[in-house]
Amino acid sequence: MNQLLAQLLKIPSSNGTTNITGPLKENSPGILGRPFNSIPDIITGLLLIVFPLATGMALVYIVIASFQIMFSGGNSDKVASARGKITTAIVGVIVISLAWFLTWLVDRFFLGTSGTVV
């Protein structure tokens, strides 16, 4: 944890340099098998969990709203409510996709890495 904070705050190490390299803990499994060598590695690991989870939740929301339409019994208020839920879920999937793309874009073109972070 001290190395992680030192990397974040750029605290000088014992030999006077500020370049502290990882891994933070030897043989740490990290998230989804990706080791924690730096703070960006931790963020990447979290994004690898959050983006698919949010997308899956939006798809479940669409399925639930579809069932609400099927069982509305022709009640226009229930159909309109379920249709609004589907629209909200689709907008959510678009926002999640754009966030994923922008993360990839920043990683690929601005940070100069391979684009395989997320």
PDB file of N, CA and C in Angstrom:
ATOM      1  N   MET A   1       0.823  -1.188   0.000  1.00  0.00           N
ATOM      2  CA  MET A   1       0.000   0.000   0.000  1.00  0.00           C
ATOM      3  C   MET A   1       0.868   1.253   0.000  1.00  0.00           C
ATOM      4  N   ASN A   2       2.015   1.177   0.677  1.00  0.00           N
ATOM      5  CA  ASN A   2       2.900   2.338   0.709  1.00  0.00           C
ATOM      6  C   ASN A   2       3.410   2.675  -0.676  1.00  0.00           C
ATOM      7  N   GLN A   3       3.735   1.637  -1.476  1.00  0.00           N
ATOM      8  CA  GLN A   3       4.192   1.902  -2.835  1.00  0.00           C
ATOM      9  C   GLN A   3       3.079   2.514  -3.674  1.00  0.00           C
ATOM     10  N   LEU A   4       1.857   2.043  -3.475  1.00  0.00           N
ATOM     11  CA  LEU A   4       0.719   2.589  -4.206  1.00  0.00           C
ATOM     12  C   LEU A   4       0.539   4.065  -3.898  1.00  0.00           C
ATOM     13  N   LEU A   5       0.589   4.419  -2.616  1.00  0.00           N
ATOM     14  CA  LEU A   5       0.466   5.827  -2.237  1.00  0.00           C
ATOM     15  C   LEU A   5       1.657   6.637  -2.733  1.00  0.00           C
ATOM     16  N   ALA A   6       2.836   6.054  -2.703  1.00  0.00           N
ATOM     17  CA  ALA A   6       4.021   6.761  -3.187  1.00  0.00           C
ATOM     18  C   ALA A   6       3.908   7.033  -4.678  1.00  0.00           C
ATOM     19  N   GLN A   7       3.355   6.067  -5.428  1.00  0.00           N
ATOM     20  CA  GLN A   7       3.160   6.286  -6.856  1.00  0.00           C
ATOM     21  C   GLN A   7       2.147   7.392  -7.099  1.00  0.00           C
ATOM     22  N   LEU A   8       1.098   7.392  -6.317  1.00  0.00           N
ATOM     23  CA  LEU A   8       0.051   8.389  -6.488  1.00  0.00           C
ATOM     24  C   LEU A   8       0.545   9.783  -6.114  1.00  0.00           C
ATOM     25  N   LEU A   9       1.212   9.886  -4.989  1.00  0.00           N
ATOM     26  CA  LEU A   9       1.634  11.185  -4.474  1.00  0.00           C
ATOM     27  C   LEU A   9       3.040  11.589  -4.914  1.00  0.00           C
ATOM     28  N   LYS A  10       3.744  10.672  -5.607  1.00  0.00           N
ATOM     29  CA  LYS A  10       5.117  10.902  -6.060  1.00  0.00           C
ATOM     30  C   LYS A  10       6.034  11.251  -4.891  1.00  0.00           C
ATOM     31  N   ILE A  11       5.901  10.492  -3.819  1.00  0.00           N
ATOM     32  CA  ILE A  11       6.736  10.660  -2.637  1.00  0.00           C
ATOM     33  C   ILE A  11       8.103  10.067  -2.940  1.00  0.00           C
ATOM     34  N   PRO A  12       9.175  10.754  -2.602  1.00  0.00           N
ATOM     35  CA  PRO A  12      10.507  10.205  -2.868  1.00  0.00           C
ATOM     36  C   PRO A  12      10.733   8.905  -2.101  1.00  0.00           C
ATOM     37  N   SER A  13      11.398   7.975  -2.756  1.00  0.00           N
ATOM     38  CA  SER A  13      11.723   6.719  -2.092  1.00  0.00           C
ATOM     39  C   SER A  13      12.954   6.900  -1.219  1.00  0.00           C
ATOM     40  N   SER A  14      13.393   5.826  -0.589  1.00  0.00           N
ATOM     41  CA  SER A  14      14.502   5.911   0.355  1.00  0.00           C
ATOM     42  C   SER A  14      15.809   6.333  -0.305  1.00  0.00           C
ATOM     43  N   ASN A  15      15.974   6.043  -1.619  1.00  0.00           N
ATOM     44  CA  ASN A  15      17.209   6.448  -2.289  1.00  0.00           C
ATOM     45  C   ASN A  15      17.092   7.808  -2.975  1.00  0.00           C
ATOM     46  N   GLY A  16      16.005   8.536  -2.736  1.00  0.00           N
ATOM     47  CA  GLY A  16      15.866   9.894  -3.232  1.00  0.00           C
ATOM     48  C   GLY A  16      15.157  10.029  -4.566  1.00  0.00           C
ATOM     49  N   THR A  17      14.853   8.936  -5.240  1.00  0.00           N
ATOM     50  CA  THR A  17      14.169   9.031  -6.522  1.00  0.00           C
ATOM     51  C   THR A  17      12.665   8.979  -6.312  1.00  0.00           C
ATOM     52  N   THR A  18      11.930   9.481  -7.283  1.00  0.00           N
ATOM     53  CA  THR A  18      10.469   9.423  -7.201  1.00  0.00           C
ATOM     54  C   THR A  18       9.911   8.354  -8.119  1.00  0.00           C
ATOM     55  N   ASN A  19      10.764   7.618  -8.791  1.00  0.00           N
ATOM     56  CA  ASN A  19      10.307   6.597  -9.720  1.00  0.00           C
ATOM     57  C   ASN A  19      10.181   5.272  -8.986  1.00  0.00           C
ATOM     58  N   ILE A  20       9.003   4.973  -8.500  1.00  0.00           N
ATOM     59  CA  ILE A  20       8.745   3.717  -7.817  1.00  0.00           C
ATOM     60  C   ILE A  20       7.960   2.847  -8.778  1.00  0.00           C
ATOM     61  N   THR A  21       8.474   1.689  -9.064  1.00  0.00           N
ATOM     62  CA  THR A  21       7.803   0.797 -10.000  1.00  0.00           C
ATOM     63  C   THR A  21       7.210  -0.380  -9.251  1.00  0.00           C
ATOM     64  N   GLY A  22       6.245  -1.033  -9.881  1.00  0.00           N
ATOM     65  CA  GLY A  22       5.576  -2.177  -9.286  1.00  0.00           C
ATOM     66  C   GLY A  22       6.343  -3.450  -9.546  1.00  0.00           C
ATOM     67  N   PRO A  23       5.811  -4.595  -9.273  1.00  0.00           N
ATOM     68  CA  PRO A  23       4.463  -4.736  -8.765  1.00  0.00           C
ATOM     69  C   PRO A  23       4.348  -4.329  -7.305  1.00  0.00           C
ATOM     70  N   LEU A  24       3.138  -3.940  -6.938  1.00  0.00           N
ATOM     71  CA  LEU A  24       2.928  -3.504  -5.570  1.00  0.00           C
ATOM     72  C   LEU A  24       3.070  -4.663  -4.600  1.00  0.00           C
ATOM     73  N   LYS A  25       2.688  -5.836  -5.022  1.00  0.00           N
ATOM     74  CA  LYS A  25       2.822  -7.029  -4.201  1.00  0.00           C
ATOM     75  C   LYS A  25       3.212  -8.154  -5.140  1.00  0.00           C
ATOM     76  N   GLU A  26       4.221  -8.890  -4.800  1.00  0.00           N
ATOM     77  CA  GLU A  26       4.663  -9.978  -5.658  1.00  0.00           C
ATOM     78  C   GLU A  26       3.543 -10.992  -5.854  1.00  0.00           C
ATOM     79  N   ASN A  27       3.354 -11.404  -7.102  1.00  0.00           N
ATOM     80  CA  ASN A  27       2.378 -12.425  -7.472  1.00  0.00           C
ATOM     81  C   ASN A  27       0.953 -12.082  -7.058  1.00  0.00           C
ATOM     82  N   SER A  28       0.614 -10.811  -7.050  1.00  0.00           N
ATOM     83  CA  SER A  28      -0.766 -10.443  -6.717  1.00  0.00           C
ATOM     84  C   SER A  28      -1.658 -10.754  -7.906  1.00  0.00           C
ATOM     85  N   PRO A  29      -2.784 -11.427  -7.678  1.00  0.00           N
ATOM     86  CA  PRO A  29      -3.640 -11.795  -8.800  1.00  0.00           C
ATOM     87  C   PRO A  29      -4.379 -10.619  -9.414  1.00  0.00           C
ATOM     88  N   GLY A  30      -4.578  -9.545  -8.660  1.00  0.00           N
ATOM     89  CA  GLY A  30      -5.287  -8.387  -9.185  1.00  0.00           C
ATOM     90  C   GLY A  30      -6.745  -8.700  -9.422  1.00  0.00           C
ATOM     91  N   ILE A  31      -7.308  -8.092 -10.463  1.00  0.00           N
ATOM     92  CA  ILE A  31      -8.697  -8.316 -10.837  1.00  0.00           C
ATOM     93  C   ILE A  31      -8.705  -9.013 -12.183  1.00  0.00           C
ATOM     94  N   LEU A  32      -9.416 -10.105 -12.278  1.00  0.00           N
ATOM     95  CA  LEU A  32      -9.508 -10.904 -13.495  1.00  0.00           C
ATOM     96  C   LEU A  32      -8.132 -11.312 -14.011  1.00  0.00           C
ATOM     97  N   GLY A  33      -7.229 -11.607 -13.090  1.00  0.00           N
ATOM     98  CA  GLY A  33      -5.905 -12.071 -13.467  1.00  0.00           C
ATOM     99  C   GLY A  33      -4.940 -10.986 -13.887  1.00  0.00           C
ATOM    100  N   ARG A  34      -5.341  -9.733 -13.818  1.00  0.00           N
ATOM    101  CA  ARG A  34      -4.456  -8.626 -14.178  1.00  0.00           C
ATOM    102  C   ARG A  34      -3.803  -8.099 -12.906  1.00  0.00           C
ATOM    103  N   PRO A  35      -2.467  -8.096 -12.843  1.00  0.00           N
ATOM    104  CA  PRO A  35      -1.794  -7.680 -11.611  1.00  0.00           C
ATOM    105  C   PRO A  35      -1.923  -6.180 -11.366  1.00  0.00           C
ATOM    106  N   PHE A  36      -1.802  -5.796 -10.104  1.00  0.00           N
ATOM    107  CA  PHE A  36      -1.819  -4.394  -9.712  1.00  0.00           C
ATOM    108  C   PHE A  36      -0.390  -3.880  -9.683  1.00  0.00           C
ATOM    109  N   ASN A  37       0.063  -3.257 -10.746  1.00  0.00           N
ATOM    110  CA  ASN A  37       1.394  -2.666 -10.771  1.00  0.00           C
ATOM    111  C   ASN A  37       1.345  -1.172 -10.530  1.00  0.00           C
ATOM    112  N   SER A  38       0.170  -0.573 -10.734  1.00  0.00           N
ATOM    113  CA  SER A  38       0.041   0.869 -10.562  1.00  0.00           C
ATOM    114  C   SER A  38      -1.435   1.205 -10.386  1.00  0.00           C
ATOM    115  N   ILE A  39      -1.693   2.457 -10.146  1.00  0.00           N
ATOM    116  CA  ILE A  39      -3.084   2.908  -9.983  1.00  0.00           C
ATOM    117  C   ILE A  39      -3.880   2.728 -11.279  1.00  0.00           C
ATOM    118  N   PRO A  40      -3.314   3.021 -12.460  1.00  0.00           N
ATOM    119  CA  PRO A  40      -4.075   2.741 -13.679  1.00  0.00           C
ATOM    120  C   PRO A  40      -4.447   1.262 -13.830  1.00  0.00           C
ATOM    121  N   ASP A  41      -3.609   0.359 -13.329  1.00  0.00           N
ATOM    122  CA  ASP A  41      -3.951  -1.059 -13.372  1.00  0.00           C
ATOM    123  C   ASP A  41      -5.169  -1.362 -12.514  1.00  0.00           C
ATOM    124  N   ILE A  42      -5.274  -0.707 -11.380  1.00  0.00           N
ATOM    125  CA  ILE A  42      -6.430  -0.898 -10.509  1.00  0.00           C
ATOM    126  C   ILE A  42      -7.690  -0.356 -11.187  1.00  0.00           C
ATOM    127  N   ILE A  43      -7.585   0.816 -11.784  1.00  0.00           N
ATOM    128  CA  ILE A  43      -8.732   1.411 -12.485  1.00  0.00           C
ATOM    129  C   ILE A  43      -9.161   0.526 -13.641  1.00  0.00           C
ATOM    130  N   THR A  44      -8.186   0.014 -14.393  1.00  0.00           N
ATOM    131  CA  THR A  44      -8.483  -0.876 -15.508  1.00  0.00           C
ATOM    132  C   THR A  44      -9.213  -2.119 -15.023  1.00  0.00           C
ATOM    133  N   GLY A  45      -8.735  -2.697 -13.941  1.00  0.00           N
ATOM    134  CA  GLY A  45      -9.389  -3.882 -13.397  1.00  0.00           C
ATOM    135  C   GLY A  45     -10.822  -3.617 -12.990  1.00  0.00           C
ATOM    136  N   LEU A  46     -11.062  -2.467 -12.388  1.00  0.00           N
ATOM    137  CA  LEU A  46     -12.428  -2.122 -11.995  1.00  0.00           C
ATOM    138  C   LEU A  46     -13.322  -1.888 -13.204  1.00  0.00           C
ATOM    139  N   LEU A  47     -12.769  -1.252 -14.239  1.00  0.00           N
ATOM    140  CA  LEU A  47     -13.563  -1.012 -15.443  1.00  0.00           C
ATOM    141  C   LEU A  47     -13.919  -2.318 -16.149  1.00  0.00           C
ATOM    142  N   LEU A  48     -13.036  -3.301 -16.063  1.00  0.00           N
ATOM    143  CA  LEU A  48     -13.314  -4.598 -16.672  1.00  0.00           C
ATOM    144  C   LEU A  48     -14.475  -5.306 -15.986  1.00  0.00           C
ATOM    145  N   ILE A  49     -14.788  -4.891 -14.785  1.00  0.00           N
ATOM    146  CA  ILE A  49     -15.932  -5.459 -14.079  1.00  0.00           C
ATOM    147  C   ILE A  49     -17.166  -4.573 -14.248  1.00  0.00           C
ATOM    148  N   VAL A  50     -17.000  -3.265 -14.139  1.00  0.00           N
ATOM    149  CA  VAL A  50     -18.133  -2.335 -14.117  1.00  0.00           C
ATOM    150  C   VAL A  50     -18.845  -2.255 -15.473  1.00  0.00           C
ATOM    151  N   PHE A  51     -18.097  -2.135 -16.573  1.00  0.00           N
ATOM    152  CA  PHE A  51     -18.747  -1.982 -17.879  1.00  0.00           C
ATOM    153  C   PHE A  51     -19.622  -3.185 -18.253  1.00  0.00           C
ATOM    154  N   PRO A  52     -19.119  -4.404 -18.194  1.00  0.00           N
ATOM    155  CA  PRO A  52     -20.000  -5.537 -18.532  1.00  0.00           C
ATOM    156  C   PRO A  52     -21.159  -5.702 -17.555  1.00  0.00           C
ATOM    157  N   LEU A  53     -20.927  -5.417 -16.280  1.00  0.00           N
ATOM    158  CA  LEU A  53     -21.992  -5.524 -15.297  1.00  0.00           C
ATOM    159  C   LEU A  53     -23.108  -4.519 -15.586  1.00  0.00           C
ATOM    160  N   ALA A  54     -22.750  -3.291 -15.908  1.00  0.00           N
ATOM    161  CA  ALA A  54     -23.757  -2.271 -16.215  1.00  0.00           C
ATOM    162  C   ALA A  54     -24.522  -2.616 -17.491  1.00  0.00           C
ATOM    163  N   THR A  55     -23.815  -3.145 -18.480  1.00  0.00           N
ATOM    164  CA  THR A  55     -24.485  -3.541 -19.719  1.00  0.00           C
ATOM    165  C   THR A  55     -25.459  -4.682 -19.462  1.00  0.00           C
ATOM    166  N   GLY A  56     -25.041  -5.653 -18.679  1.00  0.00           N
ATOM    167  CA  GLY A  56     -25.931  -6.768 -18.346  1.00  0.00           C
ATOM    168  C   GLY A  56     -27.158  -6.316 -17.582  1.00  0.00           C
ATOM    169  N   MET A  57     -26.967  -5.380 -16.663  1.00  0.00           N
ATOM    170  CA  MET A  57     -28.106  -4.857 -15.904  1.00  0.00           C
ATOM    171  C   MET A  57     -29.088  -4.138 -16.824  1.00  0.00           C
ATOM    172  N   ALA A  58     -28.580  -3.394 -17.795  1.00  0.00           N
ATOM    173  CA  ALA A  58     -29.467  -2.696 -18.733  1.00  0.00           C
ATOM    174  C   ALA A  58     -30.251  -3.693 -19.582  1.00  0.00           C
ATOM    175  N   LEU A  59     -29.603  -4.779 -19.986  1.00  0.00           N
ATOM    176  CA  LEU A  59     -30.309  -5.784 -20.784  1.00  0.00           C
ATOM    177  C   LEU A  59     -31.380  -6.494 -19.961  1.00  0.00           C
ATOM    178  N   VAL A  60     -31.110  -6.761 -18.705  1.00  0.00           N
ATOM    179  CA  VAL A  60     -32.129  -7.352 -17.827  1.00  0.00           C
ATOM    180  C   VAL A  60     -33.295  -6.379 -17.668  1.00  0.00           C
ATOM    181  N   TYR A  61     -33.001  -5.099 -17.562  1.00  0.00           N
ATOM    182  CA  TYR A  61     -34.047  -4.075 -17.447  1.00  0.00           C
ATOM    183  C   TYR A  61     -34.942  -4.070 -18.692  1.00  0.00           C
ATOM    184  N   ILE A  62     -34.333  -4.252 -19.866  1.00  0.00           N
ATOM    185  CA  ILE A  62     -35.115  -4.320 -21.112  1.00  0.00           C
ATOM    186  C   ILE A  62     -36.029  -5.536 -21.102  1.00  0.00           C
ATOM    187  N   VAL A  63     -35.519  -6.680 -20.664  1.00  0.00           N
ATOM    188  CA  VAL A  63     -36.332  -7.900 -20.619  1.00  0.00           C
ATOM    189  C   VAL A  63     -37.498  -7.728 -19.643  1.00  0.00           C
ATOM    190  N   ILE A  64     -37.240  -7.149 -18.480  1.00  0.00           N
ATOM    191  CA  ILE A  64     -38.311  -6.940 -17.498  1.00  0.00           C
ATOM    192  C   ILE A  64     -39.385  -6.012 -18.067  1.00  0.00           C
ATOM    193  N   ALA A  65     -38.967  -4.932 -18.720  1.00  0.00           N
ATOM    194  CA  ALA A  65     -39.940  -4.005 -19.311  1.00  0.00           C
ATOM    195  C   ALA A  65     -40.722  -4.674 -20.442  1.00  0.00           C
ATOM    196  N   SER A  66     -40.078  -5.564 -21.177  1.00  0.00           N
ATOM    197  CA  SER A  66     -40.780  -6.291 -22.243  1.00  0.00           C
ATOM    198  C   SER A  66     -41.883  -7.169 -21.654  1.00  0.00           C
ATOM    199  N   PHE A  67     -41.581  -7.834 -20.540  1.00  0.00           N
ATOM    200  CA  PHE A  67     -42.613  -8.627 -19.877  1.00  0.00           C
ATOM    201  C   PHE A  67     -43.739  -7.743 -19.358  1.00  0.00           C
ATOM    202  N   GLN A  68     -43.419  -6.549 -18.902  1.00  0.00           N
ATOM    203  CA  GLN A  68     -44.462  -5.638 -18.435  1.00  0.00           C
ATOM    204  C   GLN A  68     -45.385  -5.241 -19.585  1.00  0.00           C
ATOM    205  N   ILE A  69     -44.820  -5.086 -20.773  1.00  0.00           N
ATOM    206  CA  ILE A  69     -45.666  -4.783 -21.938  1.00  0.00           C
ATOM    207  C   ILE A  69     -46.573  -5.973 -22.248  1.00  0.00           C
ATOM    208  N   MET A  70     -45.990  -7.176 -22.220  1.00  0.00           N
ATOM    209  CA  MET A  70     -46.787  -8.371 -22.555  1.00  0.00           C
ATOM    210  C   MET A  70     -47.924  -8.590 -21.569  1.00  0.00           C
ATOM    211  N   PHE A  71     -47.696  -8.279 -20.303  1.00  0.00           N
ATOM    212  CA  PHE A  71     -48.711  -8.526 -19.290  1.00  0.00           C
ATOM    213  C   PHE A  71     -49.496  -7.277 -18.904  1.00  0.00           C
ATOM    214  N   SER A  72     -49.434  -6.252 -19.742  1.00  0.00           N
ATOM    215  CA  SER A  72     -50.149  -5.009 -19.425  1.00  0.00           C
ATOM    216  C   SER A  72     -51.651  -5.133 -19.644  1.00  0.00           C
ATOM    217  N   GLY A  73     -52.061  -6.105 -20.413  1.00  0.00           N
ATOM    218  CA  GLY A  73     -53.491  -6.302 -20.648  1.00  0.00           C
ATOM    219  C   GLY A  73     -54.113  -5.181 -21.460  1.00  0.00           C
ATOM    220  N   GLY A  74     -53.316  -4.503 -22.260  1.00  0.00           N
ATOM    221  CA  GLY A  74     -53.837  -3.434 -23.092  1.00  0.00           C
ATOM    222  C   GLY A  74     -53.973  -2.099 -22.388  1.00  0.00           C
ATOM    223  N   ASN A  75     -53.590  -2.031 -21.131  1.00  0.00           N
ATOM    224  CA  ASN A  75     -53.654  -0.787 -20.376  1.00  0.00           C
ATOM    225  C   ASN A  75     -52.575   0.159 -20.930  1.00  0.00           C
ATOM    226  N   SER A  76     -53.041   1.273 -21.489  1.00  0.00           N
ATOM    227  CA  SER A  76     -52.104   2.181 -22.170  1.00  0.00           C
ATOM    228  C   SER A  76     -51.110   2.825 -21.205  1.00  0.00           C
ATOM    229  N   ASP A  77     -51.497   3.023 -19.954  1.00  0.00           N
ATOM    230  CA  ASP A  77     -50.567   3.605 -18.979  1.00  0.00           C
ATOM    231  C   ASP A  77     -49.411   2.649 -18.683  1.00  0.00           C
ATOM    232  N   LYS A  78     -49.738   1.355 -18.528  1.00  0.00           N
ATOM    233  CA  LYS A  78     -48.693   0.362 -18.263  1.00  0.00           C
ATOM    234  C   LYS A  78     -47.775   0.190 -19.469  1.00  0.00           C
ATOM    235  N   VAL A  79     -48.349   0.226 -20.662  1.00  0.00           N
ATOM    236  CA  VAL A  79     -47.537   0.106 -21.880  1.00  0.00           C
ATOM    237  C   VAL A  79     -46.606   1.310 -21.999  1.00  0.00           C
ATOM    238  N   ALA A  80     -47.114   2.498 -21.743  1.00  0.00           N
ATOM    239  CA  ALA A  80     -46.292   3.706 -21.838  1.00  0.00           C
ATOM    240  C   ALA A  80     -45.170   3.682 -20.792  1.00  0.00           C
ATOM    241  N   SER A  81     -45.488   3.200 -19.602  1.00  0.00           N
ATOM    242  CA  SER A  81     -44.464   3.108 -18.557  1.00  0.00           C
ATOM    243  C   SER A  81     -43.363   2.121 -18.955  1.00  0.00           C
ATOM    244  N   ALA A  82     -43.748   0.966 -19.457  1.00  0.00           N
ATOM    245  CA  ALA A  82     -42.769  -0.043 -19.867  1.00  0.00           C
ATOM    246  C   ALA A  82     -41.956   0.440 -21.068  1.00  0.00           C
ATOM    247  N   ARG A  83     -42.610   1.134 -21.985  1.00  0.00           N
ATOM    248  CA  ARG A  83     -41.900   1.675 -23.152  1.00  0.00           C
ATOM    249  C   ARG A  83     -40.858   2.706 -22.720  1.00  0.00           C
ATOM    250  N   GLY A  84     -41.198   3.512 -21.726  1.00  0.00           N
ATOM    251  CA  GLY A  84     -40.237   4.474 -21.182  1.00  0.00           C
ATOM    252  C   GLY A  84     -39.042   3.780 -20.533  1.00  0.00           C
ATOM    253  N   LYS A  85     -39.302   2.649 -19.851  1.00  0.00           N
ATOM    254  CA  LYS A  85     -38.211   1.881 -19.245  1.00  0.00           C
ATOM    255  C   LYS A  85     -37.284   1.308 -20.310  1.00  0.00           C
ATOM    256  N   ILE A  86     -37.855   0.824 -21.396  1.00  0.00           N
ATOM    257  CA  ILE A  86     -37.028   0.286 -22.491  1.00  0.00           C
ATOM    258  C   ILE A  86     -36.186   1.399 -23.103  1.00  0.00           C
ATOM    259  N   THR A  87     -36.784   2.558 -23.306  1.00  0.00           N
ATOM    260  CA  THR A  87     -36.038   3.690 -23.860  1.00  0.00           C
ATOM    261  C   THR A  87     -34.890   4.085 -22.935  1.00  0.00           C
ATOM    262  N   THR A  88     -35.158   4.125 -21.645  1.00  0.00           N
ATOM    263  CA  THR A  88     -34.120   4.464 -20.672  1.00  0.00           C
ATOM    264  C   THR A  88     -32.989   3.443 -20.701  1.00  0.00           C
ATOM    265  N   ALA A  89     -33.329   2.170 -20.787  1.00  0.00           N
ATOM    266  CA  ALA A  89     -32.304   1.122 -20.817  1.00  0.00           C
ATOM    267  C   ALA A  89     -31.467   1.200 -22.089  1.00  0.00           C
ATOM    268  N   ILE A  90     -32.101   1.501 -23.215  1.00  0.00           N
ATOM    269  CA  ILE A  90     -31.356   1.624 -24.478  1.00  0.00           C
ATOM    270  C   ILE A  90     -30.411   2.820 -24.421  1.00  0.00           C
ATOM    271  N   VAL A  91     -30.887   3.926 -23.882  1.00  0.00           N
ATOM    272  CA  VAL A  91     -30.005   5.090 -23.710  1.00  0.00           C
ATOM    273  C   VAL A  91     -28.842   4.733 -22.785  1.00  0.00           C
ATOM    274  N   GLY A  92     -29.111   3.953 -21.739  1.00  0.00           N
ATOM    275  CA  GLY A  92     -28.059   3.510 -20.832  1.00  0.00           C
ATOM    276  C   GLY A  92     -27.010   2.667 -21.533  1.00  0.00           C
ATOM    277  N   VAL A  93     -27.440   1.757 -22.398  1.00  0.00           N
ATOM    278  CA  VAL A  93     -26.494   0.927 -23.151  1.00  0.00           C
ATOM    279  C   VAL A  93     -25.655   1.793 -24.083  1.00  0.00           C
ATOM    280  N   ILE A  94     -26.274   2.800 -24.690  1.00  0.00           N
ATOM    281  CA  ILE A  94     -25.518   3.703 -25.570  1.00  0.00           C
ATOM    282  C   ILE A  94     -24.483   4.487 -24.769  1.00  0.00           C
ATOM    283  N   VAL A  95     -24.870   4.980 -23.596  1.00  0.00           N
ATOM    284  CA  VAL A  95     -23.931   5.729 -22.752  1.00  0.00           C
ATOM    285  C   VAL A  95     -22.781   4.829 -22.298  1.00  0.00           C
ATOM    286  N   ILE A  96     -23.090   3.597 -21.906  1.00  0.00           N
ATOM    287  CA  ILE A  96     -22.049   2.650 -21.488  1.00  0.00           C
ATOM    288  C   ILE A  96     -21.101   2.370 -22.656  1.00  0.00           C
ATOM    289  N   SER A  97     -21.662   2.173 -23.840  1.00  0.00           N
ATOM    290  CA  SER A  97     -20.824   1.910 -25.020  1.00  0.00           C
ATOM    291  C   SER A  97     -19.929   3.098 -25.342  1.00  0.00           C
ATOM    292  N   LEU A  98     -20.461   4.291 -25.251  1.00  0.00           N
ATOM    293  CA  LEU A  98     -19.647   5.489 -25.496  1.00  0.00           C
ATOM    294  C   LEU A  98     -18.553   5.643 -24.443  1.00  0.00           C
ATOM    295  N   ALA A  99     -18.872   5.345 -23.193  1.00  0.00           N
ATOM    296  CA  ALA A  99     -17.853   5.416 -22.133  1.00  0.00           C
ATOM    297  C   ALA A  99     -16.744   4.412 -22.393  1.00  0.00           C
ATOM    298  N   TRP A 100     -17.110   3.202 -22.810  1.00  0.00           N
ATOM    299  CA  TRP A 100     -16.117   2.177 -23.134  1.00  0.00           C
ATOM    300  C   TRP A 100     -15.240   2.653 -24.297  1.00  0.00           C
ATOM    301  N   PHE A 101     -15.872   3.185 -25.336  1.00  0.00           N
ATOM    302  CA  PHE A 101     -15.127   3.655 -26.504  1.00  0.00           C
ATOM    303  C   PHE A 101     -14.200   4.807 -26.140  1.00  0.00           C
ATOM    304  N   LEU A 102     -14.677   5.756 -25.353  1.00  0.00           N
ATOM    305  CA  LEU A 102     -13.828   6.891 -24.970  1.00  0.00           C
ATOM    306  C   LEU A 102     -12.654   6.446 -24.105  1.00  0.00           C
ATOM    307  N   THR A 103     -12.881   5.461 -23.251  1.00  0.00           N
ATOM    308  CA  THR A 103     -11.784   4.916 -22.454  1.00  0.00           C
ATOM    309  C   THR A 103     -10.748   4.279 -23.355  1.00  0.00           C
ATOM    310  N   TRP A 104     -11.201   3.516 -24.336  1.00  0.00           N
ATOM    311  CA  TRP A 104     -10.289   2.896 -25.294  1.00  0.00           C
ATOM    312  C   TRP A 104      -9.550   3.966 -26.089  1.00  0.00           C
ATOM    313  N   LEU A 105     -10.271   5.001 -26.530  1.00  0.00           N
ATOM    314  CA  LEU A 105      -9.679   6.063 -27.332  1.00  0.00           C
ATOM    315  C   LEU A 105      -8.583   6.794 -26.568  1.00  0.00           C
ATOM    316  N   VAL A 106      -8.854   7.144 -25.327  1.00  0.00           N
ATOM    317  CA  VAL A 106      -7.847   7.820 -24.502  1.00  0.00           C
ATOM    318  C   VAL A 106      -6.644   6.913 -24.298  1.00  0.00           C
ATOM    319  N   ASP A 107      -6.903   5.653 -24.011  1.00  0.00           N
ATOM    320  CA  ASP A 107      -5.806   4.706 -23.799  1.00  0.00           C
ATOM    321  C   ASP A 107      -4.966   4.541 -25.058  1.00  0.00           C
ATOM    322  N   ARG A 108      -5.606   4.415 -26.171  1.00  0.00           N
ATOM    323  CA  ARG A 108      -4.902   4.126 -27.429  1.00  0.00           C
ATOM    324  C   ARG A 108      -4.142   5.332 -27.973  1.00  0.00           C
ATOM    325  N   PHE A 109      -4.804   6.472 -28.043  1.00  0.00           N
ATOM    326  CA  PHE A 109      -4.223   7.602 -28.755  1.00  0.00           C
ATOM    327  C   PHE A 109      -3.565   8.644 -27.855  1.00  0.00           C
ATOM    328  N   PHE A 110      -4.026   8.781 -26.625  1.00  0.00           N
ATOM    329  CA  PHE A 110      -3.458   9.813 -25.771  1.00  0.00           C
ATOM    330  C   PHE A 110      -2.421   9.270 -24.787  1.00  0.00           C
ATOM    331  N   LEU A 111      -2.588   8.018 -24.372  1.00  0.00           N
ATOM    332  CA  LEU A 111      -1.623   7.422 -23.465  1.00  0.00           C
ATOM    333  C   LEU A 111      -0.577   6.602 -24.216  1.00  0.00           C
ATOM    334  N   GLY A 112      -0.837   6.344 -25.484  1.00  0.00           N
ATOM    335  CA  GLY A 112       0.135   5.660 -26.322  1.00  0.00           C
ATOM    336  C   GLY A 112       0.284   4.177 -26.058  1.00  0.00           C
ATOM    337  N   THR A 113      -0.716   3.555 -25.464  1.00  0.00           N
ATOM    338  CA  THR A 113      -0.627   2.121 -25.235  1.00  0.00           C
ATOM    339  C   THR A 113      -1.355   1.385 -26.343  1.00  0.00           C
ATOM    340  N   SER A 114      -1.469   0.084 -26.185  1.00  0.00           N
ATOM    341  CA  SER A 114      -1.978  -0.762 -27.266  1.00  0.00           C
ATOM    342  C   SER A 114      -3.483  -0.713 -27.430  1.00  0.00           C
ATOM    343  N   GLY A 115      -4.179  -0.098 -26.506  1.00  0.00           N
ATOM    344  CA  GLY A 115      -5.632  -0.080 -26.606  1.00  0.00           C
ATOM    345  C   GLY A 115      -6.271  -1.313 -26.022  1.00  0.00           C
ATOM    346  N   THR A 116      -5.503  -2.150 -25.366  1.00  0.00           N
ATOM    347  CA  THR A 116      -6.042  -3.374 -24.792  1.00  0.00           C
ATOM    348  C   THR A 116      -6.341  -3.239 -23.311  1.00  0.00           C
ATOM    349  N   VAL A 117      -6.334  -2.025 -22.803  1.00  0.00           N
ATOM    350  CA  VAL A 117      -6.593  -1.825 -21.373  1.00  0.00           C
ATOM    351  C   VAL A 117      -8.003  -2.244 -21.038  1.00  0.00           C
ATOM    352  N   VAL A 118      -8.954  -1.813 -21.837  1.00  0.00           N
ATOM    353  CA  VAL A 118     -10.344  -2.205 -21.594  1.00  0.00           C
ATOM    354  C   VAL A 118     -10.918  -2.752 -22.857  1.00  0.00           C
TER     355      VAL A 118
END
